[in-house]
């Protein structure tokens, strides 16, 4: 199982190109610990729009993540700070629940699955 101990990702229950559970179109959003499908708390604690690597701090336990990227960008959860050791990829327009305790960075990149 990936380091993030992920539940399988699933398609978002929102329309592409619209805000989904508080996550604007074009963003990858992380919700507070214990959120389920972004429904329990529609205010993301973290939002990422630009391509790149973002370091995570003080993110522990199970968190819902929505990839509301509308330009086919993928997001990956990484155990190092530089975004080089990534285990779980989130396809565009999907959501999932992840244990962020071992995760130290998230990478947003315009690429297909497996090409990092």
N, C-alpha and C. Protein backbone atom coordinates (compact mmCIF):
# COMPACT_ATOMS: atom_id res chain seq x y z
N UNK A 1 0.85 -1.18 0.00
CA UNK A 1 0.00 0.00 0.00
C UNK A 1 0.89 1.24 0.00
N UNK A 2 0.55 2.30 -0.71
CA UNK A 2 1.36 3.51 -0.75
C UNK A 2 1.57 4.09 0.64
N UNK A 3 2.62 4.87 0.78
CA UNK A 3 2.96 5.46 2.06
C UNK A 3 1.83 6.29 2.64
N UNK A 4 0.99 6.86 1.80
CA UNK A 4 -0.10 7.70 2.28
C UNK A 4 -1.29 6.90 2.76
N UNK A 5 -1.26 5.56 2.63
CA UNK A 5 -2.37 4.70 3.05
C UNK A 5 -3.69 5.24 2.52
N UNK A 6 -3.82 5.28 1.24
CA UNK A 6 -4.96 5.91 0.59
C UNK A 6 -6.12 4.97 0.38
N UNK A 7 -7.30 5.52 0.53
CA UNK A 7 -8.49 4.85 0.02
C UNK A 7 -8.48 5.11 -1.48
N UNK A 8 -9.10 4.26 -2.27
CA UNK A 8 -9.10 4.50 -3.71
C UNK A 8 -9.69 5.86 -4.04
N UNK A 9 -9.09 6.52 -5.04
CA UNK A 9 -9.66 7.79 -5.47
C UNK A 9 -10.94 7.50 -6.23
N UNK A 10 -11.79 8.49 -6.28
CA UNK A 10 -13.06 8.35 -6.98
C UNK A 10 -13.35 9.65 -7.71
N UNK A 11 -14.18 9.61 -8.74
CA UNK A 11 -14.54 10.85 -9.43
C UNK A 11 -15.22 11.82 -8.46
N UNK A 12 -14.99 13.10 -8.68
CA UNK A 12 -15.66 14.11 -7.86
C UNK A 12 -17.16 14.05 -8.11
N UNK A 13 -17.92 14.44 -7.10
CA UNK A 13 -19.37 14.48 -7.23
C UNK A 13 -19.84 15.87 -7.62
N UNK A 14 -19.00 16.60 -8.34
CA UNK A 14 -19.30 17.97 -8.77
C UNK A 14 -19.06 18.09 -10.27
N UNK A 15 -19.52 19.17 -10.84
CA UNK A 15 -19.34 19.43 -12.26
C UNK A 15 -17.96 20.02 -12.52
N UNK A 16 -17.26 19.51 -13.52
CA UNK A 16 -15.95 20.04 -13.89
C UNK A 16 -16.06 21.52 -14.20
N UNK A 17 -15.07 22.28 -13.75
CA UNK A 17 -15.05 23.71 -14.02
C UNK A 17 -15.81 24.54 -13.00
N UNK A 18 -16.35 23.90 -11.97
CA UNK A 18 -17.07 24.62 -10.92
C UNK A 18 -16.43 24.35 -9.57
N UNK A 19 -16.69 25.22 -8.60
CA UNK A 19 -16.22 25.01 -7.24
C UNK A 19 -16.85 23.73 -6.70
N UNK A 20 -16.03 22.89 -6.09
CA UNK A 20 -16.49 21.61 -5.55
C UNK A 20 -16.16 21.55 -4.06
N UNK A 21 -17.16 21.57 -3.23
CA UNK A 21 -16.98 21.52 -1.77
C UNK A 21 -15.97 22.57 -1.30
N UNK A 22 -16.06 23.76 -1.85
CA UNK A 22 -15.18 24.84 -1.44
C UNK A 22 -13.85 24.87 -2.17
N UNK A 23 -13.60 23.93 -3.06
CA UNK A 23 -12.34 23.88 -3.81
C UNK A 23 -12.57 24.50 -5.20
N UNK A 24 -11.98 25.66 -5.47
CA UNK A 24 -12.21 26.34 -6.74
C UNK A 24 -11.67 25.53 -7.93
N UNK A 25 -12.22 25.76 -9.12
CA UNK A 25 -11.69 25.07 -10.30
C UNK A 25 -10.22 25.44 -10.51
N UNK A 26 -9.42 24.45 -10.87
CA UNK A 26 -8.00 24.68 -11.10
C UNK A 26 -7.13 24.45 -9.88
N UNK A 27 -7.71 24.05 -8.75
CA UNK A 27 -6.96 23.88 -7.51
C UNK A 27 -6.92 22.42 -7.06
N UNK A 28 -5.89 22.10 -6.29
CA UNK A 28 -5.84 20.88 -5.49
C UNK A 28 -6.06 21.34 -4.06
N UNK A 29 -7.03 20.74 -3.35
CA UNK A 29 -7.39 21.20 -2.01
C UNK A 29 -7.27 20.08 -0.98
N UNK A 30 -6.74 20.45 0.19
CA UNK A 30 -6.67 19.54 1.33
C UNK A 30 -7.64 20.06 2.38
N UNK A 31 -8.43 19.14 2.94
CA UNK A 31 -9.44 19.49 3.94
C UNK A 31 -8.96 19.11 5.33
N UNK A 32 -9.59 19.65 6.37
CA UNK A 32 -9.17 19.36 7.74
C UNK A 32 -9.22 17.86 8.04
N UNK A 33 -8.43 17.45 9.00
CA UNK A 33 -8.41 16.06 9.42
C UNK A 33 -9.81 15.59 9.77
N UNK A 34 -10.18 14.41 9.26
CA UNK A 34 -11.48 13.83 9.56
C UNK A 34 -12.58 14.20 8.58
N UNK A 35 -12.32 15.09 7.63
CA UNK A 35 -13.35 15.44 6.64
C UNK A 35 -13.61 14.25 5.74
N UNK A 36 -14.83 14.13 5.25
CA UNK A 36 -15.21 13.05 4.35
C UNK A 36 -15.76 13.65 3.07
N UNK A 37 -15.09 13.38 1.96
CA UNK A 37 -15.50 13.89 0.65
C UNK A 37 -15.72 15.39 0.63
N UNK A 38 -15.03 16.12 1.52
CA UNK A 38 -15.16 17.56 1.54
C UNK A 38 -16.52 18.03 1.99
N UNK A 39 -17.39 17.09 2.37
CA UNK A 39 -18.76 17.45 2.71
C UNK A 39 -18.87 17.94 4.15
N UNK A 40 -18.13 17.33 5.06
CA UNK A 40 -18.23 17.71 6.47
C UNK A 40 -17.68 19.09 6.75
N UNK A 41 -16.74 19.52 5.95
CA UNK A 41 -16.14 20.84 6.14
C UNK A 41 -15.79 21.37 4.76
N UNK A 42 -16.51 22.36 4.28
CA UNK A 42 -16.30 22.84 2.93
C UNK A 42 -15.24 23.92 2.83
N UNK A 43 -14.41 24.07 3.86
CA UNK A 43 -13.33 25.03 3.82
C UNK A 43 -12.00 24.30 3.79
N UNK A 44 -11.34 24.25 2.65
CA UNK A 44 -10.03 23.59 2.60
C UNK A 44 -9.03 24.30 3.50
N UNK A 45 -8.13 23.52 4.10
CA UNK A 45 -7.07 24.12 4.91
C UNK A 45 -5.88 24.52 4.04
N UNK A 46 -5.72 23.86 2.89
CA UNK A 46 -4.64 24.17 1.96
C UNK A 46 -5.21 24.14 0.54
N UNK A 47 -4.74 25.08 -0.30
CA UNK A 47 -5.15 25.11 -1.71
C UNK A 47 -3.91 25.39 -2.56
N UNK A 48 -3.76 24.62 -3.65
CA UNK A 48 -2.60 24.76 -4.52
C UNK A 48 -3.08 24.94 -5.96
N UNK A 49 -2.61 25.99 -6.59
CA UNK A 49 -3.05 26.31 -7.95
C UNK A 49 -1.93 26.12 -8.98
N UNK A 50 -0.73 26.60 -8.66
CA UNK A 50 0.36 26.59 -9.62
C UNK A 50 1.09 25.24 -9.62
N UNK A 51 1.68 24.89 -10.76
CA UNK A 51 2.51 23.70 -10.83
C UNK A 51 3.73 23.90 -9.94
N UNK A 52 4.14 22.83 -9.29
CA UNK A 52 5.32 22.90 -8.45
C UNK A 52 5.21 21.96 -7.26
N UNK A 53 6.18 22.08 -6.36
CA UNK A 53 6.23 21.26 -5.15
C UNK A 53 5.94 22.17 -3.96
N UNK A 54 5.04 21.72 -3.10
CA UNK A 54 4.65 22.47 -1.91
C UNK A 54 4.95 21.62 -0.68
N UNK A 55 5.66 22.20 0.27
CA UNK A 55 5.97 21.48 1.50
C UNK A 55 4.77 21.55 2.44
N UNK A 56 4.48 20.42 3.07
CA UNK A 56 3.38 20.34 4.03
C UNK A 56 3.94 20.40 5.45
N UNK A 57 3.23 21.06 6.33
CA UNK A 57 3.60 21.12 7.74
C UNK A 57 2.37 20.88 8.59
N UNK A 58 2.55 20.15 9.67
CA UNK A 58 1.48 19.91 10.64
C UNK A 58 0.22 19.31 10.03
N UNK A 59 0.40 18.41 9.08
CA UNK A 59 -0.73 17.69 8.48
C UNK A 59 -0.62 16.23 8.90
N UNK A 60 -1.48 15.80 9.81
CA UNK A 60 -1.43 14.44 10.34
C UNK A 60 -2.79 13.78 10.20
N UNK A 61 -2.80 12.47 10.15
CA UNK A 61 -4.05 11.72 10.11
C UNK A 61 -4.72 11.77 8.76
N UNK A 62 -5.99 11.37 8.75
CA UNK A 62 -6.78 11.24 7.52
C UNK A 62 -7.32 12.59 7.06
N UNK A 63 -7.05 12.91 5.80
CA UNK A 63 -7.52 14.15 5.19
C UNK A 63 -8.13 13.84 3.84
N UNK A 64 -9.17 14.53 3.51
CA UNK A 64 -9.76 14.46 2.17
C UNK A 64 -8.96 15.40 1.27
N UNK A 65 -8.66 14.93 0.05
CA UNK A 65 -7.98 15.77 -0.95
C UNK A 65 -8.80 15.72 -2.23
N UNK A 66 -9.05 16.89 -2.80
CA UNK A 66 -9.74 17.00 -4.08
C UNK A 66 -8.78 17.59 -5.10
N UNK A 67 -8.64 16.93 -6.25
CA UNK A 67 -7.89 17.49 -7.36
C UNK A 67 -8.91 18.06 -8.34
N UNK A 68 -9.17 19.35 -8.21
CA UNK A 68 -10.15 20.02 -9.06
C UNK A 68 -9.46 20.73 -10.23
N UNK A 69 -8.32 20.16 -10.67
CA UNK A 69 -7.59 20.72 -11.81
C UNK A 69 -8.40 20.47 -13.08
N UNK A 70 -8.59 21.50 -13.85
CA UNK A 70 -9.38 21.38 -15.07
C UNK A 70 -8.50 21.30 -16.32
N UNK A 71 -7.18 21.38 -16.13
CA UNK A 71 -6.26 21.34 -17.28
C UNK A 71 -5.45 20.05 -17.32
N UNK A 72 -6.01 18.99 -16.78
CA UNK A 72 -5.40 17.66 -16.79
C UNK A 72 -4.15 17.55 -15.93
N UNK A 73 -3.99 18.42 -14.95
CA UNK A 73 -2.84 18.34 -14.05
C UNK A 73 -3.07 17.27 -12.99
N UNK A 74 -2.00 16.59 -12.64
CA UNK A 74 -2.03 15.55 -11.61
C UNK A 74 -1.39 16.09 -10.34
N UNK A 75 -1.76 15.50 -9.22
CA UNK A 75 -1.13 15.83 -7.94
C UNK A 75 -0.55 14.55 -7.37
N UNK A 76 0.58 14.67 -6.69
CA UNK A 76 1.22 13.50 -6.10
C UNK A 76 1.61 13.80 -4.67
N UNK A 77 1.44 12.81 -3.79
CA UNK A 77 1.82 12.93 -2.38
C UNK A 77 3.20 12.32 -2.21
N UNK A 78 4.10 13.08 -1.59
CA UNK A 78 5.51 12.70 -1.52
C UNK A 78 5.99 12.65 -0.07
N UNK A 79 6.88 11.71 0.22
CA UNK A 79 7.37 11.56 1.59
C UNK A 79 8.59 12.43 1.87
N UNK A 80 9.22 12.99 0.84
CA UNK A 80 10.35 13.88 1.07
C UNK A 80 9.90 15.33 0.89
N UNK A 81 10.77 16.27 1.20
CA UNK A 81 10.44 17.70 1.13
C UNK A 81 10.55 18.26 -0.28
N UNK A 82 11.29 17.56 -1.17
CA UNK A 82 11.56 18.09 -2.51
C UNK A 82 10.60 17.58 -3.59
N UNK A 83 9.67 16.68 -3.23
CA UNK A 83 8.75 16.15 -4.23
C UNK A 83 9.40 15.12 -5.14
N UNK A 84 10.46 14.44 -4.66
CA UNK A 84 11.15 13.46 -5.49
C UNK A 84 10.71 12.03 -5.20
N UNK A 85 10.25 11.75 -3.99
CA UNK A 85 9.84 10.41 -3.59
C UNK A 85 8.32 10.42 -3.40
N UNK A 86 7.61 10.21 -4.50
CA UNK A 86 6.16 10.32 -4.50
C UNK A 86 5.53 8.94 -4.67
N UNK A 87 4.43 8.71 -3.98
CA UNK A 87 3.83 7.39 -3.98
C UNK A 87 2.40 7.36 -4.52
N UNK A 88 1.63 8.35 -4.20
CA UNK A 88 0.21 8.33 -4.56
C UNK A 88 -0.08 9.48 -5.51
N UNK A 89 -0.66 9.19 -6.68
CA UNK A 89 -1.03 10.23 -7.62
C UNK A 89 -2.54 10.39 -7.66
N UNK A 90 -2.99 11.62 -7.74
CA UNK A 90 -4.40 11.94 -7.85
C UNK A 90 -4.67 12.46 -9.25
N UNK A 91 -5.51 11.77 -9.97
CA UNK A 91 -5.87 12.19 -11.32
C UNK A 91 -6.71 13.47 -11.26
N UNK A 92 -6.76 14.21 -12.35
CA UNK A 92 -7.63 15.38 -12.39
C UNK A 92 -9.08 15.00 -12.12
N UNK A 93 -9.78 15.87 -11.42
CA UNK A 93 -11.21 15.73 -11.13
C UNK A 93 -11.53 14.47 -10.32
N UNK A 94 -10.66 14.17 -9.34
CA UNK A 94 -10.90 13.06 -8.43
C UNK A 94 -10.74 13.53 -7.00
N UNK A 95 -11.19 12.68 -6.07
CA UNK A 95 -11.02 12.96 -4.65
C UNK A 95 -10.70 11.65 -3.94
N UNK A 96 -10.12 11.76 -2.76
CA UNK A 96 -9.78 10.59 -1.97
C UNK A 96 -9.41 10.99 -0.55
N UNK A 97 -9.32 10.00 0.32
CA UNK A 97 -8.94 10.21 1.72
C UNK A 97 -7.55 9.62 1.92
N UNK A 98 -6.65 10.39 2.53
CA UNK A 98 -5.26 9.98 2.67
C UNK A 98 -4.75 10.26 4.08
N UNK A 99 -3.88 9.37 4.57
CA UNK A 99 -3.18 9.60 5.82
C UNK A 99 -1.97 10.47 5.49
N UNK A 100 -1.98 11.72 5.92
CA UNK A 100 -0.90 12.64 5.58
C UNK A 100 0.26 12.61 6.58
N UNK A 101 0.18 11.76 7.60
CA UNK A 101 1.26 11.71 8.59
C UNK A 101 2.63 11.48 7.94
N UNK A 102 2.79 10.54 6.99
CA UNK A 102 4.11 10.35 6.39
C UNK A 102 4.42 11.28 5.20
N UNK A 103 3.49 12.16 4.86
CA UNK A 103 3.64 13.00 3.67
C UNK A 103 4.26 14.35 4.04
N UNK A 104 5.32 14.73 3.30
CA UNK A 104 6.00 15.99 3.57
C UNK A 104 5.86 17.02 2.45
N UNK A 105 5.38 16.58 1.28
CA UNK A 105 5.18 17.54 0.20
C UNK A 105 4.12 17.01 -0.76
N UNK A 106 3.57 17.95 -1.52
CA UNK A 106 2.62 17.61 -2.57
C UNK A 106 3.13 18.26 -3.85
N UNK A 107 3.06 17.51 -4.95
CA UNK A 107 3.54 18.02 -6.24
C UNK A 107 2.36 18.14 -7.18
N UNK A 108 2.25 19.28 -7.86
CA UNK A 108 1.22 19.49 -8.88
C UNK A 108 1.96 19.67 -10.20
N UNK A 109 1.62 18.81 -11.18
CA UNK A 109 2.38 18.81 -12.43
C UNK A 109 1.46 18.43 -13.59
N UNK A 110 1.65 19.07 -14.75
CA UNK A 110 0.83 18.75 -15.92
C UNK A 110 1.37 17.50 -16.63
N UNK A 111 0.91 16.33 -16.20
CA UNK A 111 1.44 15.11 -16.77
C UNK A 111 0.45 13.97 -16.63
N UNK A 112 0.68 12.91 -17.35
CA UNK A 112 -0.14 11.70 -17.25
C UNK A 112 0.37 10.82 -16.12
N UNK A 113 -0.43 9.88 -15.70
CA UNK A 113 -0.07 8.95 -14.63
C UNK A 113 1.25 8.25 -14.94
N UNK A 114 2.09 8.15 -13.93
CA UNK A 114 3.31 7.40 -14.05
C UNK A 114 4.48 8.15 -14.67
N UNK A 115 4.26 9.34 -15.18
CA UNK A 115 5.35 10.10 -15.81
C UNK A 115 5.71 11.26 -14.89
N UNK A 116 6.64 10.99 -13.97
CA UNK A 116 7.05 12.01 -13.00
C UNK A 116 8.52 12.27 -13.15
